[in-house]
């Protein structure tokens, strides 16, 4: 091995050792939030908007609920929501995993002091369940399911 090759090899080894030492001093950034638990979280859904047959893509991004990538509302604008479903699922040997029917999510929101609503319709039971969970998690404590209000007295 020539002296030039030895010098190059020594320089490369020094750089590699220095890089490894840097990783020990400051490890690479970890995935923020819930890490690997977030990998299975679905945030985009194919649905019907308003009426069956009106295809749309509904997405939860940052603090917004968007439809077809353009229209959307902030999380804080959602006042309440309601889910209803009517799925009939087979129980026999050949129809055990098949379901027919639909699930509907009604979202009531406030924009510039004007109340509005949007309806999302699903014909796939699993997609409806995933959307329902995603909407509930997205809202957190800032909105609530539609239903009676209970007032606590002091």
N, C-alpha and C. Protein backbone atom coordinates (compact mmCIF):
# COMPACT_ATOMS: atom_id res chain seq x y z
N UNK A 1 0.86 -1.17 0.00
CA UNK A 1 0.00 0.00 0.00
C UNK A 1 0.90 1.23 0.00
N UNK A 2 0.60 2.16 -0.87
CA UNK A 2 1.43 3.37 -0.97
C UNK A 2 1.14 4.30 0.19
N UNK A 3 2.04 5.25 0.40
CA UNK A 3 1.86 6.22 1.48
C UNK A 3 0.63 7.08 1.23
N UNK A 4 0.33 7.37 -0.06
CA UNK A 4 -0.85 8.16 -0.39
C UNK A 4 -2.12 7.42 0.00
N UNK A 5 -2.20 6.13 -0.34
CA UNK A 5 -3.37 5.32 0.02
C UNK A 5 -3.52 5.20 1.53
N UNK A 6 -2.38 5.06 2.24
CA UNK A 6 -2.43 4.98 3.70
C UNK A 6 -2.96 6.30 4.29
N UNK A 7 -2.55 7.41 3.71
CA UNK A 7 -2.99 8.72 4.20
C UNK A 7 -4.49 8.91 3.97
N UNK A 8 -4.96 8.49 2.78
CA UNK A 8 -6.39 8.59 2.47
C UNK A 8 -7.18 7.71 3.42
N UNK A 9 -6.73 6.48 3.63
CA UNK A 9 -7.41 5.55 4.53
C UNK A 9 -7.46 6.11 5.95
N UNK A 10 -6.37 6.71 6.41
CA UNK A 10 -6.32 7.30 7.75
C UNK A 10 -7.29 8.47 7.86
N UNK A 11 -7.38 9.29 6.80
CA UNK A 11 -8.28 10.44 6.82
C UNK A 11 -9.74 9.99 6.84
N UNK A 12 -10.06 9.00 6.02
CA UNK A 12 -11.44 8.48 5.98
C UNK A 12 -11.80 7.86 7.33
N UNK A 13 -10.89 7.12 7.93
CA UNK A 13 -11.16 6.50 9.24
C UNK A 13 -11.39 7.56 10.31
N UNK A 14 -10.59 8.65 10.25
CA UNK A 14 -10.76 9.73 11.23
C UNK A 14 -12.12 10.39 11.09
N UNK A 15 -12.53 10.62 9.83
CA UNK A 15 -13.83 11.24 9.59
C UNK A 15 -14.95 10.34 10.08
N UNK A 16 -14.84 9.03 9.81
CA UNK A 16 -15.87 8.09 10.26
C UNK A 16 -15.94 8.04 11.78
N UNK A 17 -14.78 8.01 12.45
CA UNK A 17 -14.77 8.00 13.91
C UNK A 17 -15.34 9.29 14.47
N UNK A 18 -14.99 10.43 13.85
CA UNK A 18 -15.49 11.72 14.30
C UNK A 18 -17.01 11.78 14.14
N UNK A 19 -17.54 11.29 13.02
CA UNK A 19 -18.99 11.26 12.79
C UNK A 19 -19.70 10.39 13.81
N UNK A 20 -19.11 9.23 14.13
CA UNK A 20 -19.70 8.35 15.14
C UNK A 20 -19.70 8.99 16.51
N UNK A 21 -18.61 9.72 16.83
CA UNK A 21 -18.55 10.41 18.11
C UNK A 21 -19.61 11.50 18.19
N UNK A 22 -19.86 12.18 17.08
CA UNK A 22 -20.90 13.21 17.07
C UNK A 22 -22.26 12.61 17.37
N UNK A 23 -22.53 11.43 16.82
CA UNK A 23 -23.82 10.77 17.08
C UNK A 23 -23.96 10.40 18.55
N UNK A 24 -22.86 10.08 19.21
CA UNK A 24 -22.93 9.77 20.63
C UNK A 24 -23.20 11.03 21.45
N UNK A 25 -22.61 12.15 21.00
CA UNK A 25 -22.79 13.40 21.71
C UNK A 25 -24.20 13.94 21.49
N UNK A 26 -24.65 13.97 20.24
CA UNK A 26 -26.00 14.45 19.94
C UNK A 26 -26.67 13.43 19.01
N UNK A 27 -27.46 12.54 19.58
CA UNK A 27 -28.11 11.51 18.77
C UNK A 27 -29.07 12.13 17.76
N UNK A 28 -29.37 11.39 16.68
CA UNK A 28 -30.31 11.93 15.69
C UNK A 28 -31.66 12.19 16.33
N UNK A 29 -32.40 13.19 15.83
CA UNK A 29 -33.68 13.54 16.45
C UNK A 29 -34.66 12.37 16.39
N UNK A 30 -35.36 12.15 17.48
CA UNK A 30 -36.37 11.09 17.54
C UNK A 30 -37.65 11.59 16.89
N UNK A 31 -38.51 10.66 16.48
CA UNK A 31 -39.79 11.05 15.90
C UNK A 31 -40.63 11.69 17.00
N UNK A 32 -41.17 12.85 16.71
CA UNK A 32 -41.94 13.60 17.70
C UNK A 32 -43.32 13.00 17.90
N UNK A 33 -44.01 13.44 18.91
CA UNK A 33 -45.38 12.99 19.15
C UNK A 33 -45.42 11.60 19.74
N UNK A 34 -46.20 10.73 19.12
CA UNK A 34 -46.38 9.37 19.63
C UNK A 34 -45.55 8.34 18.88
N UNK A 35 -44.63 8.81 18.06
CA UNK A 35 -43.69 7.92 17.38
C UNK A 35 -44.36 6.87 16.53
N UNK A 36 -43.96 5.63 16.73
CA UNK A 36 -44.45 4.52 15.91
C UNK A 36 -45.95 4.31 16.04
N UNK A 37 -46.54 4.76 17.13
CA UNK A 37 -47.99 4.59 17.32
C UNK A 37 -48.78 5.41 16.32
N UNK A 38 -48.16 6.46 15.75
CA UNK A 38 -48.86 7.31 14.80
C UNK A 38 -48.88 6.71 13.40
N UNK A 39 -48.05 5.71 13.14
CA UNK A 39 -47.93 5.17 11.79
C UNK A 39 -49.22 4.55 11.27
N UNK A 40 -50.05 3.99 12.13
CA UNK A 40 -51.29 3.38 11.68
C UNK A 40 -52.48 4.32 11.69
N UNK A 41 -52.27 5.57 12.04
CA UNK A 41 -53.37 6.53 12.14
C UNK A 41 -53.75 7.03 10.75
N UNK A 42 -54.99 6.75 10.37
CA UNK A 42 -55.46 7.17 9.06
C UNK A 42 -55.97 8.61 9.15
N UNK A 43 -55.55 9.44 8.21
CA UNK A 43 -55.92 10.85 8.22
C UNK A 43 -56.64 11.28 6.95
N UNK A 44 -56.72 10.42 5.93
CA UNK A 44 -57.37 10.76 4.67
C UNK A 44 -58.43 9.70 4.37
N UNK A 45 -59.61 10.16 3.97
CA UNK A 45 -60.74 9.24 3.76
C UNK A 45 -61.46 9.56 2.46
N UNK A 46 -61.85 8.50 1.75
CA UNK A 46 -62.72 8.64 0.58
C UNK A 46 -64.15 8.51 1.08
N UNK A 47 -64.98 9.48 0.76
CA UNK A 47 -66.36 9.50 1.24
C UNK A 47 -67.25 10.08 0.15
N UNK A 48 -68.54 10.11 0.45
CA UNK A 48 -69.49 10.89 -0.35
C UNK A 48 -69.79 12.13 0.48
N UNK A 49 -69.80 13.29 -0.16
CA UNK A 49 -70.07 14.53 0.55
C UNK A 49 -71.44 15.06 0.18
N UNK A 50 -72.30 15.24 1.19
CA UNK A 50 -73.64 15.79 0.98
C UNK A 50 -74.65 14.76 0.55
N UNK A 51 -74.32 13.97 -0.48
CA UNK A 51 -75.24 12.94 -0.95
C UNK A 51 -74.44 11.81 -1.58
N UNK A 52 -75.04 10.64 -1.60
CA UNK A 52 -74.38 9.46 -2.15
C UNK A 52 -74.12 9.70 -3.64
N UNK A 53 -72.91 9.37 -4.06
CA UNK A 53 -72.51 9.57 -5.45
C UNK A 53 -71.65 10.80 -5.65
N UNK A 54 -71.61 11.70 -4.68
CA UNK A 54 -70.79 12.91 -4.76
C UNK A 54 -69.45 12.62 -4.09
N UNK A 55 -68.52 11.99 -4.84
CA UNK A 55 -67.23 11.57 -4.29
C UNK A 55 -66.43 12.75 -3.78
N UNK A 56 -65.75 12.54 -2.64
CA UNK A 56 -64.86 13.56 -2.11
C UNK A 56 -63.78 12.91 -1.27
N UNK A 57 -62.71 13.64 -1.04
CA UNK A 57 -61.61 13.20 -0.19
C UNK A 57 -61.58 14.10 1.03
N UNK A 58 -61.73 13.50 2.20
CA UNK A 58 -61.76 14.24 3.46
C UNK A 58 -60.43 13.98 4.18
N UNK A 59 -59.81 15.06 4.66
CA UNK A 59 -58.50 14.90 5.27
C UNK A 59 -58.37 15.74 6.54
N UNK A 60 -57.73 15.13 7.53
CA UNK A 60 -57.38 15.83 8.77
C UNK A 60 -55.91 16.22 8.65
N UNK A 61 -55.62 17.51 8.52
CA UNK A 61 -54.25 17.98 8.41
C UNK A 61 -54.04 19.09 9.42
N UNK A 62 -52.99 18.93 10.21
CA UNK A 62 -52.69 19.90 11.27
C UNK A 62 -53.96 20.14 12.09
N UNK A 63 -54.48 21.34 12.11
CA UNK A 63 -55.70 21.64 12.87
C UNK A 63 -56.87 21.93 11.95
N UNK A 64 -56.85 21.36 10.73
CA UNK A 64 -57.92 21.61 9.76
C UNK A 64 -58.54 20.32 9.26
N UNK A 65 -59.83 20.40 9.02
CA UNK A 65 -60.57 19.34 8.35
C UNK A 65 -60.84 19.87 6.94
N UNK A 66 -60.26 19.23 5.92
CA UNK A 66 -60.40 19.74 4.56
C UNK A 66 -61.15 18.75 3.68
N UNK A 67 -61.80 19.29 2.65
CA UNK A 67 -62.53 18.49 1.68
C UNK A 67 -61.94 18.78 0.31
N UNK A 68 -61.51 17.72 -0.37
CA UNK A 68 -60.91 17.83 -1.70
C UNK A 68 -59.71 18.76 -1.74
N UNK A 69 -58.98 18.85 -0.64
CA UNK A 69 -57.76 19.62 -0.58
C UNK A 69 -57.91 21.13 -0.62
N UNK A 70 -59.13 21.63 -0.67
CA UNK A 70 -59.31 23.08 -0.79
C UNK A 70 -60.18 23.63 0.32
N UNK A 71 -61.44 23.23 0.34
CA UNK A 71 -62.35 23.74 1.35
C UNK A 71 -61.98 23.14 2.70
N UNK A 72 -62.19 23.89 3.76
CA UNK A 72 -61.88 23.34 5.06
C UNK A 72 -62.26 24.26 6.20
N UNK A 73 -62.25 23.69 7.39
CA UNK A 73 -62.52 24.46 8.60
C UNK A 73 -61.47 24.10 9.64
N UNK A 74 -61.24 25.03 10.55
CA UNK A 74 -60.33 24.79 11.66
C UNK A 74 -61.01 23.94 12.72
N UNK A 75 -60.21 23.26 13.47
CA UNK A 75 -60.72 22.42 14.56
C UNK A 75 -61.63 23.21 15.49
N UNK A 76 -61.26 24.44 15.80
CA UNK A 76 -62.03 25.27 16.72
C UNK A 76 -63.38 25.71 16.19
N UNK A 77 -63.62 25.57 14.88
CA UNK A 77 -64.90 25.97 14.31
C UNK A 77 -65.97 24.89 14.46
N UNK A 78 -65.55 23.65 14.74
CA UNK A 78 -66.52 22.57 14.88
C UNK A 78 -67.25 22.73 16.22
N UNK A 79 -68.57 22.81 16.15
CA UNK A 79 -69.39 22.98 17.34
C UNK A 79 -69.77 21.62 17.92
N UNK A 80 -70.26 20.74 17.04
CA UNK A 80 -70.67 19.41 17.46
C UNK A 80 -70.77 18.50 16.25
N UNK A 81 -70.94 17.21 16.52
CA UNK A 81 -71.04 16.24 15.44
C UNK A 81 -71.96 15.11 15.85
N UNK A 82 -72.44 14.36 14.86
CA UNK A 82 -73.33 13.24 15.13
C UNK A 82 -73.02 12.12 14.14
N UNK A 83 -73.00 10.90 14.64
CA UNK A 83 -72.80 9.73 13.80
C UNK A 83 -74.06 8.89 13.80
N UNK A 84 -74.43 8.38 12.64
CA UNK A 84 -75.51 7.40 12.57
C UNK A 84 -75.08 6.34 11.56
N UNK A 85 -75.50 5.11 11.82
CA UNK A 85 -75.12 4.04 10.92
C UNK A 85 -76.22 3.00 10.82
N UNK A 86 -76.28 2.40 9.66
CA UNK A 86 -77.25 1.34 9.41
C UNK A 86 -76.58 0.32 8.49
N UNK A 87 -75.72 -0.50 9.08
CA UNK A 87 -75.03 -1.55 8.34
C UNK A 87 -75.63 -2.89 8.71
N UNK A 88 -75.91 -3.69 7.71
CA UNK A 88 -76.38 -5.05 7.91
C UNK A 88 -75.25 -5.97 7.49
N UNK A 89 -74.78 -6.78 8.42
CA UNK A 89 -73.64 -7.64 8.15
C UNK A 89 -74.06 -9.10 8.16
N UNK A 90 -73.49 -9.86 7.25
CA UNK A 90 -73.81 -11.27 7.15
C UNK A 90 -73.29 -12.06 8.34
N UNK A 91 -74.00 -13.11 8.70
CA UNK A 91 -73.57 -13.96 9.82
C UNK A 91 -73.33 -15.39 9.37
N UNK A 92 -73.66 -15.70 8.12
CA UNK A 92 -73.48 -17.06 7.63
C UNK A 92 -72.05 -17.32 7.21
N UNK A 93 -71.76 -18.55 6.87
CA UNK A 93 -70.42 -18.96 6.50
C UNK A 93 -69.92 -18.19 5.27
N UNK A 94 -70.76 -17.99 4.28
CA UNK A 94 -70.34 -17.31 3.06
C UNK A 94 -70.46 -15.79 3.13
N UNK A 95 -71.27 -15.26 4.04
CA UNK A 95 -71.50 -13.81 4.10
C UNK A 95 -70.95 -13.17 5.37
N UNK A 96 -70.13 -13.89 6.11
CA UNK A 96 -69.66 -13.43 7.42
C UNK A 96 -68.96 -12.07 7.37
N UNK A 97 -68.16 -11.81 6.35
CA UNK A 97 -67.39 -10.56 6.30
C UNK A 97 -68.00 -9.51 5.39
N UNK A 98 -69.22 -9.73 4.93
CA UNK A 98 -69.81 -8.75 4.03
C UNK A 98 -70.88 -7.92 4.75
N UNK A 99 -70.84 -6.63 4.51
CA UNK A 99 -71.80 -5.71 5.11
C UNK A 99 -72.34 -4.80 4.02
N UNK A 100 -73.58 -4.42 4.17
CA UNK A 100 -74.15 -3.41 3.28
C UNK A 100 -74.85 -2.37 4.13
N UNK A 101 -75.02 -1.21 3.58
CA UNK A 101 -75.66 -0.11 4.32
C UNK A 101 -74.80 1.13 4.23
N UNK A 102 -74.98 2.01 5.21
CA UNK A 102 -74.20 3.24 5.20
C UNK A 102 -74.06 3.84 6.58
N UNK A 103 -73.01 4.62 6.74
CA UNK A 103 -72.77 5.38 7.95
C UNK A 103 -72.67 6.85 7.57
N UNK A 104 -73.21 7.70 8.41
CA UNK A 104 -73.24 9.13 8.12
C UNK A 104 -72.65 9.90 9.29
N UNK A 105 -71.83 10.89 8.97
CA UNK A 105 -71.30 11.80 9.98
C UNK A 105 -71.78 13.21 9.62
N UNK A 106 -72.46 13.83 10.55
CA UNK A 106 -72.93 15.20 10.40
C UNK A 106 -72.03 16.09 11.25
N UNK A 107 -71.41 17.07 10.63
CA UNK A 107 -70.52 17.99 11.35
C UNK A 107 -71.14 19.38 11.31
N UNK A 108 -71.39 19.95 12.48
CA UNK A 108 -71.94 21.29 12.59
C UNK A 108 -70.81 22.22 13.01
N UNK A 109 -70.65 23.30 12.27
CA UNK A 109 -69.54 24.22 12.52
C UNK A 109 -70.03 25.67 12.50
N UNK A 110 -69.17 26.54 12.98
CA UNK A 110 -69.48 27.97 13.03
C UNK A 110 -68.38 28.70 12.26
N UNK A 111 -68.79 29.48 11.25
CA UNK A 111 -67.83 30.27 10.48
C UNK A 111 -68.33 31.70 10.39
N UNK A 112 -67.57 32.61 10.96
CA UNK A 112 -67.94 34.03 10.99
C UNK A 112 -69.33 34.23 11.58
N UNK A 113 -69.60 33.58 12.69
CA UNK A 113 -70.87 33.66 13.42
C UNK A 113 -72.06 33.10 12.64
N UNK A 114 -71.81 32.33 11.61
CA UNK A 114 -72.88 31.69 10.84
C UNK A 114 -72.69 30.17 10.99
N UNK A 115 -73.77 29.49 11.41
CA UNK A 115 -73.69 28.05 11.59
C UNK A 115 -73.87 27.34 10.26
N UNK A 116 -73.05 26.35 10.02
CA UNK A 116 -73.13 25.54 8.82
C UNK A 116 -73.02 24.07 9.18
N UNK A 117 -73.22 23.21 8.21
CA UNK A 117 -73.08 21.78 8.47
C UNK A 117 -72.59 21.07 7.22
N UNK A 118 -71.95 19.95 7.43
CA UNK A 118 -71.48 19.10 6.35
C UNK A 118 -71.82 17.67 6.65
N UNK A 119 -72.15 16.90 5.63
CA UNK A 119 -72.51 15.50 5.80
C UNK A 119 -71.52 14.64 5.02
N UNK A 120 -70.97 13.64 5.70
CA UNK A 120 -70.04 12.70 5.10
C UNK A 120 -70.66 11.31 5.16
N UNK A 121 -70.77 10.65 4.02
CA UNK A 121 -71.45 9.36 3.93
C UNK A 121 -70.43 8.28 3.54
N UNK A 122 -70.50 7.15 4.23
CA UNK A 122 -69.61 6.02 3.98
C UNK A 122 -70.44 4.77 3.74
N UNK A 123 -70.05 3.98 2.73
CA UNK A 123 -70.73 2.70 2.50
C UNK A 123 -69.86 1.53 2.95
N UNK A 124 -68.67 1.82 3.42
CA UNK A 124 -67.77 0.80 3.95
C UNK A 124 -67.75 0.94 5.47
N UNK A 125 -68.14 -0.11 6.16
CA UNK A 125 -68.26 -0.05 7.62
C UNK A 125 -66.93 0.26 8.31
N UNK A 126 -65.84 -0.34 7.84
CA UNK A 126 -64.53 -0.10 8.46
C UNK A 126 -64.09 1.35 8.24
N UNK A 127 -64.28 1.88 7.03
CA UNK A 127 -63.91 3.28 6.76
C UNK A 127 -64.72 4.23 7.63
N UNK A 128 -66.01 3.92 7.81
CA UNK A 128 -66.85 4.76 8.67
C UNK A 128 -66.35 4.74 10.11
N UNK A 129 -66.01 3.57 10.61
CA UNK A 129 -65.50 3.46 11.99
C UNK A 129 -64.19 4.23 12.15
N UNK A 130 -63.29 4.12 11.15
CA UNK A 130 -62.02 4.83 11.22
C UNK A 130 -62.23 6.35 11.15
N UNK A 131 -63.16 6.78 10.30
CA UNK A 131 -63.44 8.22 10.20
C UNK A 131 -64.05 8.73 11.51
N UNK A 132 -64.98 7.97 12.08
CA UNK A 132 -65.60 8.38 13.35
C UNK A 132 -64.56 8.55 14.43
N UNK A 133 -63.65 7.60 14.53
CA UNK A 133 -62.58 7.69 15.53
C UNK A 133 -61.67 8.88 15.26
N UNK A 134 -61.33 9.09 13.98
CA UNK A 134 -60.44 10.20 13.62
C UNK A 134 -61.09 11.55 13.93
N UNK A 135 -62.39 11.69 13.64
CA UNK A 135 -63.08 12.95 13.91
C UNK A 135 -63.17 13.20 15.41
N UNK A 136 -63.49 12.18 16.18
CA UNK A 136 -63.57 12.33 17.64
C UNK A 136 -62.22 12.73 18.22
N UNK A 137 -61.14 12.09 17.73
CA UNK A 137 -59.80 12.42 18.22
C UNK A 137 -59.39 13.82 17.77
N UNK A 138 -59.73 14.18 16.55
CA UNK A 138 -59.40 15.50 16.00
C UNK A 138 -60.05 16.60 16.84
N UNK A 139 -61.32 16.41 17.19
CA UNK A 139 -62.03 17.42 17.97
C UNK A 139 -61.51 17.52 19.39
N UNK A 140 -61.18 16.38 19.97
CA UNK A 140 -60.74 16.39 21.36
C UNK A 140 -61.82 16.95 22.25
N UNK A 141 -61.48 17.85 23.14
CA UNK A 141 -62.45 18.44 24.05
C UNK A 141 -63.10 19.70 23.50
N UNK A 142 -62.68 20.13 22.30
CA UNK A 142 -63.20 21.40 21.80
C UNK A 142 -64.60 21.28 21.20
N UNK A 143 -65.04 20.10 20.82
CA UNK A 143 -66.40 19.92 20.33
C UNK A 143 -66.95 18.63 20.94
N UNK A 144 -68.20 18.39 20.75
CA UNK A 144 -68.81 17.23 21.41
C UNK A 144 -69.82 16.58 20.49
N UNK A 145 -70.12 15.32 20.78
CA UNK A 145 -71.19 14.68 20.00
C UNK A 145 -72.52 15.41 20.21
N UNK A 146 -73.34 15.39 19.19
CA UNK A 146 -74.66 16.00 19.26
C UNK A 146 -75.50 15.26 20.29
N UNK A 147 -76.19 15.96 21.13
CA UNK A 147 -77.02 15.34 22.16
C UNK A 147 -77.40 16.37 23.20
N UNK A 148 -78.06 15.92 24.26
CA UNK A 148 -78.51 16.87 25.28
C UNK A 148 -77.34 17.50 26.03
N UNK A 149 -77.55 18.72 26.44
CA UNK A 149 -76.56 19.43 27.23
C UNK A 149 -76.98 19.36 28.69
N UNK A 150 -76.05 19.03 29.54
CA UNK A 150 -76.32 18.95 30.97
C UNK A 150 -75.66 20.14 31.65
N UNK A 151 -76.43 20.91 32.34
CA UNK A 151 -75.89 22.08 33.04
C UNK A 151 -75.73 21.74 34.51
N UNK A 152 -74.52 21.96 35.02
CA UNK A 152 -74.22 21.70 36.43
C UNK A 152 -74.48 22.96 37.22
N UNK A 153 -75.13 22.81 38.35
CA UNK A 153 -75.39 23.94 39.22
C UNK A 153 -74.38 23.96 40.35
N UNK A 154 -74.04 25.15 40.81
CA UNK A 154 -73.11 25.29 41.93
C UNK A 154 -73.79 25.04 43.25
